[in-house]
Amino acid sequence: MNWAKFSDSTRLELVKIGNTIYSCGAHVRLRPKTKADAFDLMLDGRTAIIESIEQDYENDLHIAVTIDNDPIKDQGVGRFVAYRFFFAPEEVEPI
């Protein structure tokens, strides 16, 4: 079995969903839909910057963001684990 396909993702510079265009570097407001954990509650309504847009092997889109006013957000820009947060496109609003 080719296990590499399960860890590969495609990075996109921008994506258009309906009338909304998402692009790296754009400012967004976070609106998590699931409220599955404490982070969903803490990040709801916060603003962030799109650091990457990734499409997985099932063609699902994931928007990786760093949170505005986070004193260590530079770690997220470096793509370090736990400093970027991933959201579905319907969970972010362009500002």
C-alpha atoms as a PDB file:
ATOM      1  CA  MET A   1       0.000   0.000   0.000  1.00  0.00           C
ATOM      2  CA  ASN A   2       1.211   3.503  -0.793  1.00  0.00           C
ATOM      3  CA  TRP A   3       1.075   5.216   2.627  1.00  0.00           C
ATOM      4  CA  ALA A   4       2.550   8.450   1.256  1.00  0.00           C
ATOM      5  CA  LYS A   5      -0.812   9.478  -0.182  1.00  0.00           C
ATOM      6  CA  PHE A   6      -2.245   9.621   3.332  1.00  0.00           C
ATOM      7  CA  SER A   7       0.234  12.284   4.457  1.00  0.00           C
ATOM      8  CA  ASP A   8       0.522  14.305   1.268  1.00  0.00           C
ATOM      9  CA  SER A   9      -1.382  17.498   0.761  1.00  0.00           C
ATOM     10  CA  THR A  10      -1.459  20.056  -1.981  1.00  0.00           C
ATOM     11  CA  ARG A  11      -0.820  23.673  -1.038  1.00  0.00           C
ATOM     12  CA  LEU A  12      -2.895  26.235  -2.867  1.00  0.00           C
ATOM     13  CA  GLU A  13      -2.325  29.988  -3.123  1.00  0.00           C
ATOM     14  CA  LEU A  14      -6.021  30.737  -3.342  1.00  0.00           C
ATOM     15  CA  VAL A  15      -9.367  29.064  -3.694  1.00  0.00           C
ATOM     16  CA  LYS A  16     -12.797  30.372  -4.684  1.00  0.00           C
ATOM     17  CA  ILE A  17     -15.834  28.899  -2.959  1.00  0.00           C
ATOM     18  CA  GLY A  18     -19.098  30.408  -4.122  1.00  0.00           C
ATOM     19  CA  ASN A  19     -18.471  34.151  -4.298  1.00  0.00           C
ATOM     20  CA  THR A  20     -15.722  34.085  -1.680  1.00  0.00           C
ATOM     21  CA  ILE A  21     -12.027  34.006  -2.520  1.00  0.00           C
ATOM     22  CA  TYR A  22      -9.611  32.790   0.158  1.00  0.00           C
ATOM     23  CA  SER A  23      -5.917  33.548  -0.296  1.00  0.00           C
ATOM     24  CA  CYS A  24      -2.730  33.242   1.719  1.00  0.00           C
ATOM     25  CA  GLY A  25      -2.086  36.401   3.715  1.00  0.00           C
ATOM     26  CA  ALA A  26      -5.774  37.382   3.899  1.00  0.00           C
ATOM     27  CA  HIS A  27      -7.354  38.391   7.205  1.00  0.00           C
ATOM     28  CA  VAL A  28     -10.333  36.343   8.380  1.00  0.00           C
ATOM     29  CA  ARG A  29     -12.647  36.044  11.370  1.00  0.00           C
ATOM     30  CA  LEU A  30     -12.936  32.556  12.848  1.00  0.00           C
ATOM     31  CA  ARG A  31     -16.358  30.951  13.284  1.00  0.00           C
ATOM     32  CA  PRO A  32     -15.844  27.288  14.318  1.00  0.00           C
ATOM     33  CA  LYS A  33     -19.017  25.301  13.654  1.00  0.00           C
ATOM     34  CA  THR A  34     -18.525  22.192  15.774  1.00  0.00           C
ATOM     35  CA  LYS A  35     -17.611  23.642  19.185  1.00  0.00           C
ATOM     36  CA  ALA A  36     -15.850  20.299  19.635  1.00  0.00           C
ATOM     37  CA  ASP A  37     -13.213  21.480  22.082  1.00  0.00           C
ATOM     38  CA  ALA A  38     -11.996  24.409  24.157  1.00  0.00           C
ATOM     39  CA  PHE A  39     -10.072  25.881  21.226  1.00  0.00           C
ATOM     40  CA  ASP A  40     -13.268  26.209  19.206  1.00  0.00           C
ATOM     41  CA  LEU A  41     -14.773  28.227  22.038  1.00  0.00           C
ATOM     42  CA  MET A  42     -11.660  30.340  22.662  1.00  0.00           C
ATOM     43  CA  LEU A  43     -11.056  31.134  18.994  1.00  0.00           C
ATOM     44  CA  ASP A  44     -14.651  31.905  18.008  1.00  0.00           C
ATOM     45  CA  GLY A  45     -14.795  35.510  16.799  1.00  0.00           C
ATOM     46  CA  ARG A  46     -11.011  36.017  16.828  1.00  0.00           C
ATOM     47  CA  THR A  47      -9.218  37.365  13.781  1.00  0.00           C
ATOM     48  CA  ALA A  48      -6.420  35.542  12.034  1.00  0.00           C
ATOM     49  CA  ILE A  49      -4.240  35.483   8.920  1.00  0.00           C
ATOM     50  CA  ILE A  50      -4.393  32.648   6.393  1.00  0.00           C
ATOM     51  CA  GLU A  51      -0.945  31.053   6.307  1.00  0.00           C
ATOM     52  CA  SER A  52      -1.792  28.238   3.903  1.00  0.00           C
ATOM     53  CA  ILE A  53      -4.648  26.556   2.097  1.00  0.00           C
ATOM     54  CA  GLU A  54      -4.227  22.820   1.840  1.00  0.00           C
ATOM     55  CA  GLN A  55      -6.146  20.175  -0.060  1.00  0.00           C
ATOM     56  CA  ASP A  56      -5.856  16.610   1.199  1.00  0.00           C
ATOM     57  CA  TYR A  57      -6.020  13.355  -0.748  1.00  0.00           C
ATOM     58  CA  GLU A  58      -9.819  13.313  -0.406  1.00  0.00           C
ATOM     59  CA  ASN A  59      -9.942  16.832  -1.941  1.00  0.00           C
ATOM     60  CA  ASP A  60     -11.082  18.391   1.348  1.00  0.00           C
ATOM     61  CA  LEU A  61      -9.850  21.950   1.906  1.00  0.00           C
ATOM     62  CA  HIS A  62      -8.190  23.046   5.142  1.00  0.00           C
ATOM     63  CA  ILE A  63      -7.338  26.666   5.894  1.00  0.00           C
ATOM     64  CA  ALA A  64      -4.366  27.040   8.245  1.00  0.00           C
ATOM     65  CA  VAL A  65      -4.271  30.295  10.191  1.00  0.00           C
ATOM     66  CA  THR A  66      -2.200  32.095  12.779  1.00  0.00           C
ATOM     67  CA  ILE A  67      -4.121  34.122  15.333  1.00  0.00           C
ATOM     68  CA  ASP A  68      -3.772  37.920  15.354  1.00  0.00           C
ATOM     69  CA  ASN A  69      -2.322  39.319  18.577  1.00  0.00           C
ATOM     70  CA  ASP A  70      -0.766  35.956  19.453  1.00  0.00           C
ATOM     71  CA  PRO A  71       2.685  36.816  20.859  1.00  0.00           C
ATOM     72  CA  ILE A  72       4.206  33.648  19.389  1.00  0.00           C
ATOM     73  CA  LYS A  73       2.394  33.569  16.035  1.00  0.00           C
ATOM     74  CA  ASP A  74       5.755  33.628  14.240  1.00  0.00           C
ATOM     75  CA  GLN A  75       6.028  29.964  15.184  1.00  0.00           C
ATOM     76  CA  GLY A  76       2.927  29.303  13.066  1.00  0.00           C
ATOM     77  CA  VAL A  77       4.436  31.088  10.088  1.00  0.00           C
ATOM     78  CA  GLY A  78       7.328  28.633  10.447  1.00  0.00           C
ATOM     79  CA  ARG A  79       4.746  25.819  10.251  1.00  0.00           C
ATOM     80  CA  PHE A  80       5.568  24.536  13.735  1.00  0.00           C
ATOM     81  CA  VAL A  81       3.032  22.149  15.239  1.00  0.00           C
ATOM     82  CA  ALA A  82       0.510  23.701  17.665  1.00  0.00           C
ATOM     83  CA  TYR A  83       1.000  27.275  16.446  1.00  0.00           C
ATOM     84  CA  ARG A  84      -1.266  27.028  13.419  1.00  0.00           C
ATOM     85  CA  PHE A  85      -4.940  26.196  13.563  1.00  0.00           C
ATOM     86  CA  PHE A  86      -6.875  24.473  10.789  1.00  0.00           C
ATOM     87  CA  PHE A  87     -10.421  25.342   9.786  1.00  0.00           C
ATOM     88  CA  ALA A  88     -12.808  24.359   7.022  1.00  0.00           C
ATOM     89  CA  PRO A  89     -13.603  27.170   4.563  1.00  0.00           C
ATOM     90  CA  GLU A  90     -17.123  27.568   6.003  1.00  0.00           C
ATOM     91  CA  GLU A  91     -15.567  28.300   9.410  1.00  0.00           C
ATOM     92  CA  VAL A  92     -13.762  31.478   8.337  1.00  0.00           C
ATOM     93  CA  GLU A  93     -15.189  34.823   7.187  1.00  0.00           C
ATOM     94  CA  PRO A  94     -13.143  37.233   5.077  1.00  0.00           C
ATOM     95  CA  ILE A  95     -12.623  40.611   6.714  1.00  0.00           C
END
